[in-house]
Protein backbone atom coordinates (compact mmCIF):
# COMPACT_ATOMS: atom_id res chain seq x y z
CA MET A 1 0.00 0.00 0.00
CA GLN A 2 1.39 3.38 -1.01
CA LEU A 3 1.51 5.91 1.79
CA PRO A 4 0.32 9.44 1.02
CA SER A 5 3.05 11.97 0.33
CA SER A 6 4.08 14.45 3.00
CA ALA A 7 2.61 17.26 0.87
CA THR A 8 -0.76 15.51 0.81
CA VAL A 9 -0.70 15.03 4.56
CA ALA A 10 0.30 18.66 5.05
CA ALA A 11 -2.55 19.87 2.87
CA ALA A 12 -5.07 17.74 4.76
CA VAL A 13 -3.84 18.87 8.17
CA LEU A 14 -3.77 22.51 7.06
CA SER A 15 -7.36 22.29 5.86
CA VAL A 16 -8.46 20.98 9.25
CA VAL A 17 -6.53 23.69 11.11
CA LEU A 18 -7.94 26.45 8.95
CA LEU A 19 -11.44 25.07 9.46
CA ILE A 20 -10.97 25.08 13.23
CA CYS A 21 -9.56 28.59 13.19
CA ALA A 22 -12.33 30.03 11.05
CA THR A 23 -14.50 31.94 13.52
CA GLU A 24 -15.91 34.79 11.45
CA ALA A 25 -19.70 34.93 11.81
CA HIS A 26 -22.31 36.84 9.87
CA ASN A 27 -22.44 40.64 10.10
CA ILE A 28 -25.86 42.14 9.44
CA THR A 29 -24.42 45.64 8.94
CA ASN A 30 -22.10 44.41 6.19
CA ILE A 31 -24.86 42.33 4.60
CA LEU A 32 -27.14 45.37 4.23
CA ALA A 33 -24.38 47.87 3.35
CA SER A 34 -24.62 47.17 -0.38
CA HIS A 35 -28.43 47.47 -0.39
CA THR A 36 -29.04 51.21 -0.18
CA GLN A 37 -32.83 50.80 -0.12
CA PHE A 38 -32.43 49.48 3.43
CA SER A 39 -29.94 52.10 4.64
CA THR A 40 -32.30 53.60 7.23
CA PHE A 41 -33.16 50.18 8.67
CA ASN A 42 -29.44 49.36 8.77
CA ARG A 43 -28.56 52.66 10.46
CA TYR A 44 -31.07 52.08 13.24
CA LEU A 45 -29.81 48.54 13.79
CA THR A 46 -26.48 50.14 14.66
CA THR A 47 -27.90 53.08 16.63
CA THR A 48 -29.96 50.80 18.85
CA HIS A 49 -27.08 48.29 19.27
CA LEU A 50 -29.39 45.63 17.88
CA ALA A 51 -26.88 44.79 15.13
CA ALA A 52 -24.39 43.43 17.68
CA GLU A 53 -27.06 41.22 19.22
CA ILE A 54 -28.07 39.89 15.79
CA ASN A 55 -24.44 39.12 14.94
CA ARG A 56 -24.07 36.96 18.04
CA ARG A 57 -27.13 34.87 17.18
CA GLN A 58 -27.19 31.61 15.27
CA THR A 59 -30.22 30.42 13.21
CA ILE A 60 -31.97 33.76 12.76
CA THR A 61 -34.13 35.64 10.24
CA VAL A 62 -34.10 39.43 9.87
CA CYS A 63 -37.21 40.93 8.25
CA VAL A 64 -36.11 44.26 6.77
CA VAL A 65 -38.22 47.06 5.32
CA ASP A 66 -37.10 49.67 2.81
CA ASN A 67 -36.49 53.34 3.54
CA ALA A 68 -40.11 54.26 2.81
CA GLY A 69 -41.30 51.73 5.36
CA MET A 70 -38.90 53.11 7.95
CA SER A 71 -40.17 56.65 7.24
CA ASP A 72 -43.64 55.51 8.31
CA LEU A 73 -42.17 54.22 11.58
CA LEU A 74 -40.05 57.33 12.23
CA SER A 75 -43.04 59.61 11.64
CA LYS A 76 -44.44 58.32 14.95
CA HIS A 77 -41.55 60.05 16.77
CA LEU A 78 -40.83 57.10 19.04
CA SER A 79 -37.86 57.11 21.41
CA ILE A 80 -34.74 55.25 20.34
CA TYR A 81 -35.44 52.66 23.03
CA THR A 82 -38.93 52.02 21.67
CA ILE A 83 -37.57 51.81 18.11
CA LYS A 84 -35.24 49.08 19.31
CA ASN A 85 -38.25 47.11 20.58
CA VAL A 86 -40.02 47.54 17.23
CA LEU A 87 -37.00 46.41 15.21
CA SER A 88 -36.36 43.48 17.55
CA PHE A 89 -39.93 42.37 16.74
CA HIS A 90 -38.67 41.97 13.14
CA VAL A 91 -35.91 39.53 14.10
CA LEU A 92 -37.18 35.93 14.12
CA LEU A 93 -35.35 33.37 16.26
CA ASP A 94 -35.49 30.72 13.53
CA TYR A 95 -34.28 30.33 9.95
CA PHE A 96 -36.77 31.12 7.17
CA ASP A 97 -35.50 31.45 3.61
CA ALA A 98 -37.80 31.77 0.58
CA LYS A 99 -38.07 28.00 0.13
CA LYS A 100 -39.00 27.36 3.75
CA LEU A 101 -41.54 30.22 3.76
CA HIS A 102 -43.41 28.58 0.88
CA GLN A 103 -43.26 25.10 2.41
CA ILE A 104 -44.64 25.83 5.87
CA THR A 105 -46.32 22.77 7.38
CA ASN A 106 -50.12 23.18 7.51
CA GLY A 107 -49.73 26.59 5.87
CA THR A 108 -48.87 28.51 9.06
CA ALA A 109 -46.05 28.80 11.59
CA LEU A 110 -45.49 30.75 14.79
CA ALA A 111 -42.02 32.25 15.28
CA ALA A 112 -40.58 33.79 18.42
CA THR A 113 -38.82 37.14 17.98
CA MET A 114 -35.94 38.89 19.68
CA PHE A 115 -38.53 41.19 21.27
CA GLN A 116 -40.03 38.13 22.97
CA ALA A 117 -36.55 37.17 24.22
CA THR A 118 -36.11 40.54 25.98
CA GLY A 119 -38.89 39.69 28.42
CA SER A 120 -40.69 42.96 27.63
CA ALA A 121 -43.44 41.20 25.65
CA THR A 122 -46.40 39.76 27.50
CA GLY A 123 -48.31 36.64 26.49
CA SER A 124 -47.96 35.91 22.79
CA SER A 125 -47.28 39.53 21.80
CA GLY A 126 -43.64 38.74 21.02
CA PHE A 127 -44.49 36.12 18.37
CA VAL A 128 -45.00 36.53 14.62
CA ASN A 129 -47.44 34.38 12.65
CA ILE A 130 -46.25 33.35 9.16
CA THR A 131 -48.95 32.24 6.71
CA ASP A 132 -48.57 30.69 3.25
CA LEU A 133 -51.31 32.51 1.27
CA LYS A 134 -52.91 31.76 -2.07
CA GLY A 135 -51.14 32.74 -5.27
CA GLY A 136 -47.66 32.01 -3.94
CA LYS A 137 -47.72 34.85 -1.42
CA VAL A 138 -46.60 34.70 2.23
CA GLY A 139 -48.07 36.95 4.91
CA LEU A 140 -46.65 37.98 8.30
CA SER A 141 -48.59 39.33 11.27
CA PRO A 142 -48.39 39.61 15.06
CA ALA A 143 -49.67 36.44 16.72
CA ASP A 144 -52.56 38.31 18.35
CA TYR A 145 -53.54 40.18 15.15
CA ASN A 146 -57.21 39.56 14.22
CA ALA A 147 -57.15 40.65 10.57
CA PRO A 148 -55.50 39.66 7.28
CA PRO A 149 -51.68 39.71 7.49
CA PRO A 150 -50.53 43.36 7.20
CA ALA A 151 -47.08 42.51 5.81
CA LYS A 152 -46.11 40.36 2.83
CA PHE A 153 -42.88 38.60 1.95
CA VAL A 154 -41.26 40.55 -0.92
CA LYS A 155 -37.98 38.80 -1.66
CA SER A 156 -34.92 37.16 -0.18
CA ILE A 157 -31.90 39.41 0.30
CA VAL A 158 -29.25 37.02 1.66
CA ASP A 159 -29.34 33.36 2.73
CA ILE A 160 -26.61 31.62 4.70
CA PRO A 161 -28.22 28.22 5.50
CA TYR A 162 -28.96 27.62 8.34
CA ASN A 163 -27.29 30.55 10.01
CA ILE A 164 -28.95 33.78 8.90
CA SER A 165 -31.66 34.70 6.41
CA VAL A 166 -32.38 38.32 5.51
CA ILE A 167 -35.74 38.84 3.83
CA GLN A 168 -37.61 41.95 2.73
CA ILE A 169 -41.20 42.44 3.90
CA SER A 170 -43.61 45.04 2.57
CA THR A 171 -44.23 47.08 5.71
CA ILE A 172 -43.42 47.43 9.42
CA LEU A 173 -45.26 44.86 11.53
CA PRO A 174 -47.73 46.60 13.87
CA SER A 175 -47.31 45.88 17.58
CA ASP A 176 -48.87 47.91 20.39
CA GLU A 177 -46.54 46.29 22.94
CA ALA A 178 -43.36 46.95 20.96
CA GLU A 179 -44.43 50.55 20.29
CA ALA A 180 -45.38 51.22 23.92
CA PRO A 181 -43.37 54.10 25.49
CA THR A 182 -40.11 52.85 26.95
CA PRO A 183 -38.54 54.90 29.77
CA GLY A 184 -35.24 56.48 28.87
CA PRO A 185 -32.16 56.04 31.06
CA SER A 186 -32.44 59.55 32.52
CA GLN A 187 -35.71 58.46 34.11
CA MET A 188 -34.05 55.54 35.89
CA ASN A 189 -32.93 55.92 39.51
CA LEU A 190 -29.68 53.97 39.58
CA THR A 191 -29.31 53.77 43.34
CA PHE A 192 -32.94 52.75 43.77
CA LEU A 193 -32.51 49.94 41.24
CA MET A 194 -29.45 48.68 43.12
CA SER A 195 -30.93 49.09 46.61
CA ALA A 196 -34.03 47.12 45.71
CA GLN A 197 -32.04 44.12 44.48
CA GLY A 198 -29.37 43.33 47.05
CA CYS A 199 -26.85 46.16 46.54
CA LYS A 200 -28.17 48.65 49.10
CA VAL A 201 -24.82 49.23 50.87
CA PHE A 202 -23.03 50.01 47.60
CA ALA A 203 -25.90 52.28 46.52
CA GLU A 204 -25.86 54.23 49.80
CA THR A 205 -22.07 54.58 49.59
CA LEU A 206 -22.42 55.85 46.03
CA LEU A 207 -25.08 58.39 47.07
CA ALA A 208 -22.61 59.96 49.51
CA SER A 209 -19.88 60.34 46.86
CA PRO A 210 -19.22 62.60 43.85
CA ALA A 211 -18.95 59.32 41.92
CA GLU A 212 -22.75 59.23 41.72
CA LYS A 213 -22.72 62.13 39.24
CA THR A 214 -20.11 60.31 37.14
CA PHE A 215 -22.45 57.33 36.87
CA GLU A 216 -25.48 59.51 36.09
CA ASP A 217 -23.61 61.48 33.41
CA ASN A 218 -22.70 58.28 31.55
CA VAL A 219 -26.10 56.57 31.43
CA ASP A 220 -27.35 58.13 28.20
CA GLY A 221 -24.23 57.13 26.27
CA GLY A 222 -24.19 53.59 27.67
CA LEU A 223 -23.22 52.32 31.12
CA THR A 224 -22.45 48.99 32.80
CA ILE A 225 -22.31 48.81 36.60
CA PHE A 226 -20.77 45.98 38.63
CA CYS A 227 -22.46 46.21 42.02
CA PRO A 228 -20.97 44.29 44.99
CA GLY A 229 -23.64 42.53 47.04
CA ASP A 230 -24.43 43.73 50.55
CA ASP A 231 -22.41 41.03 52.35
CA ALA A 232 -19.29 41.76 50.29
CA MET A 233 -19.65 45.52 50.67
CA LYS A 234 -20.24 45.40 54.46
CA LYS A 235 -17.08 43.33 54.88
CA PHE A 236 -15.11 45.82 52.80
CA LEU A 237 -16.33 49.06 54.46
CA PRO A 238 -13.55 49.28 57.11
CA LYS A 239 -10.93 49.30 54.35
CA PHE A 240 -13.01 51.73 52.28
CA LYS A 241 -13.06 54.21 55.18
CA ASN A 242 -9.24 54.21 55.27
CA LEU A 243 -9.03 55.52 51.69
CA THR A 244 -8.63 59.21 50.86
CA ALA A 245 -11.62 61.06 49.43
CA GLU A 246 -10.10 60.76 45.96
CA GLY A 247 -9.42 57.07 46.51
CA LYS A 248 -13.02 56.44 47.59
CA GLN A 249 -14.34 58.12 44.45
CA SER A 250 -11.94 56.16 42.24
CA LEU A 251 -12.89 52.86 43.84
CA LEU A 252 -16.60 53.46 43.28
CA GLU A 253 -16.03 54.59 39.69
CA TYR A 254 -13.89 51.47 39.20
CA HIS A 255 -17.16 49.51 39.34
CA GLY A 256 -18.54 51.17 36.19
CA ILE A 257 -17.75 50.74 32.48
CA PRO A 258 -18.65 53.66 30.18
CA ILE A 259 -20.36 51.46 27.58
CA TYR A 260 -23.41 49.21 27.61
CA GLN A 261 -22.43 45.54 27.89
CA SER A 262 -25.25 43.01 27.76
CA ILE A 263 -24.68 39.70 29.51
CA SER A 264 -24.27 38.02 26.11
CA ASN A 265 -21.60 40.61 25.27
CA LEU A 266 -19.70 39.84 28.46
CA LYS A 267 -19.85 36.12 27.70
CA SER A 268 -18.33 36.58 24.25
CA ASN A 269 -15.95 39.55 24.58
CA ASN A 270 -13.12 38.69 26.96
CA GLY A 271 -10.24 41.05 27.65
CA ASP A 272 -9.21 44.35 29.23
CA MET A 273 -11.78 47.10 29.69
CA ASN A 274 -11.38 50.67 30.93
CA THR A 275 -13.60 51.84 33.76
CA LEU A 276 -15.09 55.18 34.82
CA ALA A 277 -12.01 55.62 37.01
CA THR A 278 -9.58 55.36 34.07
CA ASP A 279 -7.69 58.63 33.66
CA GLY A 280 -4.67 58.68 31.37
CA ALA A 281 -1.74 57.05 33.15
CA LYS A 282 -4.11 55.81 35.87
CA LYS A 283 -5.24 52.69 34.08
CA TYR A 284 -7.84 51.39 36.50
CA ALA A 285 -8.68 48.61 34.02
CA VAL A 286 -10.44 45.30 34.66
CA VAL A 287 -10.28 42.00 32.79
CA ILE A 288 -13.51 40.32 31.69
CA GLN A 289 -13.33 36.53 31.46
CA ASN A 290 -15.96 33.87 30.98
CA ASP A 291 -16.00 30.17 31.78
CA GLY A 292 -19.06 28.71 30.13
CA GLU A 293 -22.05 30.56 31.54
CA ASP A 294 -20.02 32.14 34.36
CA VAL A 295 -18.53 35.63 33.90
CA THR A 296 -15.76 36.95 36.15
CA ILE A 297 -14.30 40.42 36.59
CA LYS A 298 -10.59 40.24 37.39
CA THR A 299 -8.16 42.75 38.85
CA LYS A 300 -4.57 42.15 39.92
CA LEU A 301 -5.82 41.46 43.43
CA VAL A 302 -9.23 39.82 43.22
CA THR A 303 -11.50 37.82 40.94
CA ALA A 304 -15.20 38.59 41.37
CA LYS A 305 -18.04 36.59 39.86
CA ILE A 306 -21.26 37.99 38.42
CA THR A 307 -24.01 36.53 40.59
CA GLY A 308 -27.08 38.16 39.08
CA THR A 309 -28.52 40.61 36.55
CA LEU A 310 -30.33 43.60 38.04
CA VAL A 311 -30.88 45.47 34.75
CA ASP A 312 -29.92 44.55 31.19
CA LYS A 313 -31.65 46.88 28.79
CA LEU A 314 -29.99 49.32 26.42
CA PRO A 315 -28.29 51.60 27.38
CA LEU A 316 -27.94 50.38 30.99
CA ALA A 317 -26.76 47.12 32.51
CA ILE A 318 -26.29 46.46 36.24
CA TYR A 319 -24.84 43.19 37.54
CA SER A 320 -24.29 42.02 41.11
CA LEU A 321 -20.88 40.71 42.22
CA ASP A 322 -19.80 38.43 45.04
CA LYS A 323 -16.76 40.61 45.83
CA VAL A 324 -15.61 44.22 45.78
CA LEU A 325 -13.22 45.01 42.90
CA LEU A 326 -9.81 46.09 44.20
CA PRO A 327 -7.66 48.16 41.79
CA LYS A 328 -3.89 47.80 42.09
CA GLU A 329 -3.68 51.59 41.88
CA LEU A 330 -5.18 51.78 45.38
CA PHE A 331 -4.19 48.54 47.09
CA LYS A 332 -0.90 46.74 47.52
CA ALA A 333 -0.37 43.32 46.06
CA ALA A 334 0.61 40.52 48.42
CA PRO A 335 4.41 40.06 48.48
CA THR A 336 5.87 36.92 46.95
CA PRO A 337 6.77 34.47 49.76
CA ALA A 338 10.51 34.04 50.33
CA PRO A 339 11.86 30.57 49.50
CA ALA A 340 12.29 28.22 52.45
CA PRO A 341 15.89 28.08 53.77
CA ALA A 342 17.95 25.07 52.73
CA PRO A 343 18.35 22.40 55.44
CA GLU A 344 21.58 22.51 57.44
CA ALA A 345 24.22 19.94 56.71
CA HIS A 346 24.15 18.55 60.26
CA ALA A 347 20.65 18.45 61.59
CA GLU A 348 20.19 18.85 65.31
CA SER A 349 18.72 16.07 67.35
CA PRO A 350 14.93 16.25 67.75
CA LYS A 351 15.12 17.43 71.35
CA HIS A 352 17.22 20.46 70.32
CA SER A 353 15.43 21.27 67.05
CA LYS A 354 13.43 24.44 66.85
CA SER A 355 9.82 24.52 65.76
CA PRO A 356 9.27 26.39 62.50
CA PRO A 357 7.57 29.76 62.85
CA ALA A 358 3.80 29.72 62.45
CA PRO A 359 2.63 31.00 59.06
CA ALA A 360 1.11 34.46 58.95
CA SER A 361 -2.64 34.50 59.27
CA PRO A 362 -4.73 35.83 56.38
CA ALA A 363 -5.56 38.87 58.50
CA ASP A 364 -1.86 39.84 58.47
CA SER A 365 -1.67 39.78 54.67
CA PRO A 366 -1.28 43.22 53.05
CA ALA A 367 -2.85 42.01 49.82
CA ASP A 368 -5.86 44.29 50.15
CA SER A 369 -4.46 47.05 52.32
CA PRO A 370 -4.40 50.60 50.91
CA ALA A 371 -1.29 51.29 48.87
CA ASP A 372 1.04 54.22 49.52
CA GLY A 373 0.88 55.04 45.84
CA PRO A 374 0.23 53.53 42.44
CA ASN A 375 2.11 50.31 41.81
CA SER A 376 4.50 49.87 38.94
CA ASP A 377 3.08 48.38 35.77
CA ALA A 378 6.01 45.99 35.62
CA ASP A 379 3.89 43.28 37.20
CA ASP A 380 1.38 43.44 34.36
CA LEU A 381 3.09 40.57 32.59
CA THR A 382 2.55 38.26 35.54
CA ASP A 383 -1.18 38.23 35.01
CA SER A 384 -2.35 35.22 33.02
CA GLY A 385 -4.73 37.38 30.98
CA ALA A 386 -2.17 40.05 30.10
CA VAL A 387 -0.13 37.99 27.66
CA LYS A 388 -2.39 36.69 24.94
CA TYR A 389 -1.43 33.82 22.62
CA ASN A 390 -3.50 32.90 19.59
CA ALA A 391 -2.87 29.17 19.36
CA GLY A 392 -5.14 28.66 16.36
CA ALA A 393 -3.43 31.32 14.28
CA SER A 394 0.01 30.00 15.24
CA LEU A 395 -0.92 26.45 14.24
CA ALA A 396 -2.21 27.72 10.92
CA ALA A 397 1.05 29.60 10.29
CA VAL A 398 3.20 26.56 11.18
CA PHE A 399 1.27 24.18 8.94
CA SER A 400 1.18 26.72 6.12
CA SER A 401 4.98 26.91 6.19
CA TRP A 402 5.26 23.11 6.31
CA PHE A 403 2.83 22.76 3.41
CA ALA A 404 4.76 25.27 1.29
CA PHE A 405 8.08 23.55 2.08
CA ASN A 406 6.76 20.13 1.05
CA LEU A 407 5.43 21.47 -2.23
CA LEU A 408 8.88 22.75 -3.10
CA MET A 409 10.60 19.47 -2.26
């Protein structure tokens, strides 16, 4: 039996590696960019941050309307938050291309929408009914709509089976629930939201600090708050009281990120993030990491876990933590333990040997004591998340070189 050549093996292995490394998903903004008749719809997908949520979804259908259809919607002068609800009602959580639309079992199908997934819809108001009509037409209507379907399937724009389907429909789907007034962020009482859901101590501490205004000023543009639970905050208060006024403000602002991060965002976008306390050379950054469904917020000194979602609705997200975040700019890192002394050449007899000193208790550790000043950034490289290594890309590069070499042999 003739063994395959090394070039053949290299090509096969390279194909597998490249397949594993290929992680690029669909991008609804790019899909619609070349279709100018949907430019308004596309622009509002970006403005409402709905595009990012669509891009993270698998098996999805986006029902777009042309610029004239969007003009009808915009003439109602809805808030941007309500427009997001309306557009999310046009995103079906299933795959429907032209073929599937015309082959619906029993002539009708009920599809859940992204609006239903937000939890804002009540009953069946977040579902869309798809009906295969006479004459090769397909109608779409809200599930609770007691009249002929108001929207019709026009044509397919893009199909990527069975990932994303973008279809044009004739008009905006009517929905009283989706078009209901949605309170803007300026109408939300941040400290009340936190106090009512297990973060009362943090909220009261924030109320007594200039940091509260920093949080309030950032809500409209997007804000994510990591709120330590009451038990964690009560335990930390003695150390908090030892900080300077500036240090107290920085620590509170360290628990905010000046952009909206949904929980699905946090689960998919790991890495460094600036906080409200970041100021030039004062990095005050945190590291977001996820392990399956768990999301952790890491500093040089502590790793806190998200334990609950208090609010997750554009442009505000508030999550509870099991620990207070400690920035290295305010607290000293624990010193590296000195190596144990080497044993003496001639050990003493047991009756003359000295007992080893008792180890320091955790209470004696300076790991979370206030620092005299900002620490050097030299220890940044010691953090496991600070040095990033793309194994997939490296494997692809190695096998590409091997493949090219074998072809030349």
